[in-house]
Amino acid sequence: MDQPAKTWSFDVAVEHGPNRTRAQIVLHTPEGHEFSGVGLAHRAAHARIAGYLALGRAMSDLTEELVEAATTELEDEAGRAWST
């Protein structure tokens, strides 16, 4: 690895309501981009368990957003390579 490591950071918020738990995770890149994911869980279980489930769903949502962003950038790069 020739480049120094860059730090990415996360903000996580979990809100417990009377019927549901909502989690949001926001990823901050060193370049200033933000990606986010949201997850919900019914509040039938204990608050802690609902929080785990909602956060897991938010992380899954974030994963989909990152893969989509990478795919878009790769397609853009391939298009530029073909047009030159």
Protein backbone atom coordinates (compact mmCIF):
# COMPACT_ATOMS: atom_id res chain seq x y z
CA MET A 1 0.00 0.00 0.00
CA ASP A 2 1.61 3.16 -1.22
CA GLN A 3 -0.89 5.72 0.06
CA PRO A 4 -1.33 6.67 3.71
CA ALA A 5 -4.50 5.48 5.41
CA LYS A 6 -7.46 7.85 5.40
CA THR A 7 -9.99 7.95 8.20
CA TRP A 8 -13.68 7.52 7.45
CA SER A 9 -16.14 8.20 10.27
CA PHE A 10 -19.69 7.18 11.18
CA ASP A 11 -22.49 8.95 13.01
CA VAL A 12 -25.14 6.63 14.43
CA ALA A 13 -28.51 7.65 15.84
CA VAL A 14 -31.10 5.28 17.32
CA GLU A 15 -34.53 6.62 18.26
CA HIS A 16 -36.99 4.52 20.24
CA GLY A 17 -40.65 5.40 19.76
CA PRO A 18 -43.70 3.75 21.30
CA ASN A 19 -44.22 1.37 18.35
CA ARG A 20 -40.98 1.35 16.42
CA THR A 21 -37.26 1.95 16.59
CA ARG A 22 -35.49 3.93 13.89
CA ALA A 23 -31.75 3.89 13.27
CA GLN A 24 -29.72 6.05 10.92
CA ILE A 25 -26.05 5.67 10.11
CA VAL A 26 -24.12 8.32 8.19
CA LEU A 27 -20.70 7.62 6.71
CA HIS A 28 -18.36 10.58 6.18
CA THR A 29 -15.51 10.17 3.68
CA PRO A 30 -12.22 12.08 3.88
CA GLU A 31 -13.20 13.84 0.62
CA GLY A 32 -16.36 15.24 2.23
CA HIS A 33 -18.93 12.86 0.74
CA GLU A 34 -21.72 11.46 2.90
CA PHE A 35 -23.63 8.23 2.54
CA SER A 36 -26.49 7.22 4.79
CA GLY A 37 -28.71 4.28 5.61
CA VAL A 38 -31.93 4.01 7.57
CA GLY A 39 -33.46 0.99 9.26
CA LEU A 40 -36.68 0.38 11.18
CA ALA A 41 -37.80 -2.29 13.62
CA HIS A 42 -41.10 -2.91 15.36
CA ARG A 43 -40.88 -2.26 19.06
CA ALA A 44 -42.46 -5.58 20.07
CA ALA A 45 -39.16 -6.75 21.52
CA HIS A 46 -36.91 -5.14 24.11
CA ALA A 47 -35.56 -1.71 23.14
CA ARG A 48 -32.01 -3.05 22.91
CA ILE A 49 -32.98 -5.85 20.53
CA ALA A 50 -35.07 -3.49 18.39
CA GLY A 51 -32.06 -1.15 18.28
CA TYR A 52 -29.78 -3.93 17.08
CA LEU A 53 -32.25 -4.91 14.38
CA ALA A 54 -32.88 -1.35 13.21
CA LEU A 55 -29.15 -0.61 13.11
CA GLY A 56 -28.44 -3.81 11.18
CA ARG A 57 -31.06 -2.77 8.64
CA ALA A 58 -29.56 0.72 8.43
CA MET A 59 -26.13 -0.80 7.77
CA SER A 60 -27.61 -2.97 5.03
CA ASP A 61 -29.22 0.11 3.49
CA LEU A 62 -25.88 1.94 3.68
CA THR A 63 -24.15 -1.01 1.98
CA GLU A 64 -26.58 -0.82 -0.94
CA GLU A 65 -25.95 2.91 -1.29
CA LEU A 66 -22.16 2.42 -1.33
CA VAL A 67 -22.33 -0.36 -3.93
CA GLU A 68 -24.60 1.78 -6.09
CA ALA A 69 -22.21 4.75 -5.85
CA ALA A 70 -19.22 2.56 -6.76
CA THR A 71 -21.11 1.07 -9.72
CA THR A 72 -22.06 4.52 -10.98
CA GLU A 73 -18.48 5.78 -10.73
CA LEU A 74 -17.14 2.68 -12.50
CA GLU A 75 -19.67 3.11 -15.31
CA ASP A 76 -18.71 6.79 -15.63
CA GLU A 77 -15.01 5.89 -15.81
CA ALA A 78 -15.67 3.20 -18.43
CA GLY A 79 -17.70 5.68 -20.49
CA ARG A 80 -14.88 8.23 -20.41
CA ALA A 81 -12.36 5.57 -21.44
CA TRP A 82 -14.48 4.59 -24.45
CA SER A 83 -15.09 8.17 -25.56
CA THR A 84 -11.41 9.19 -25.74
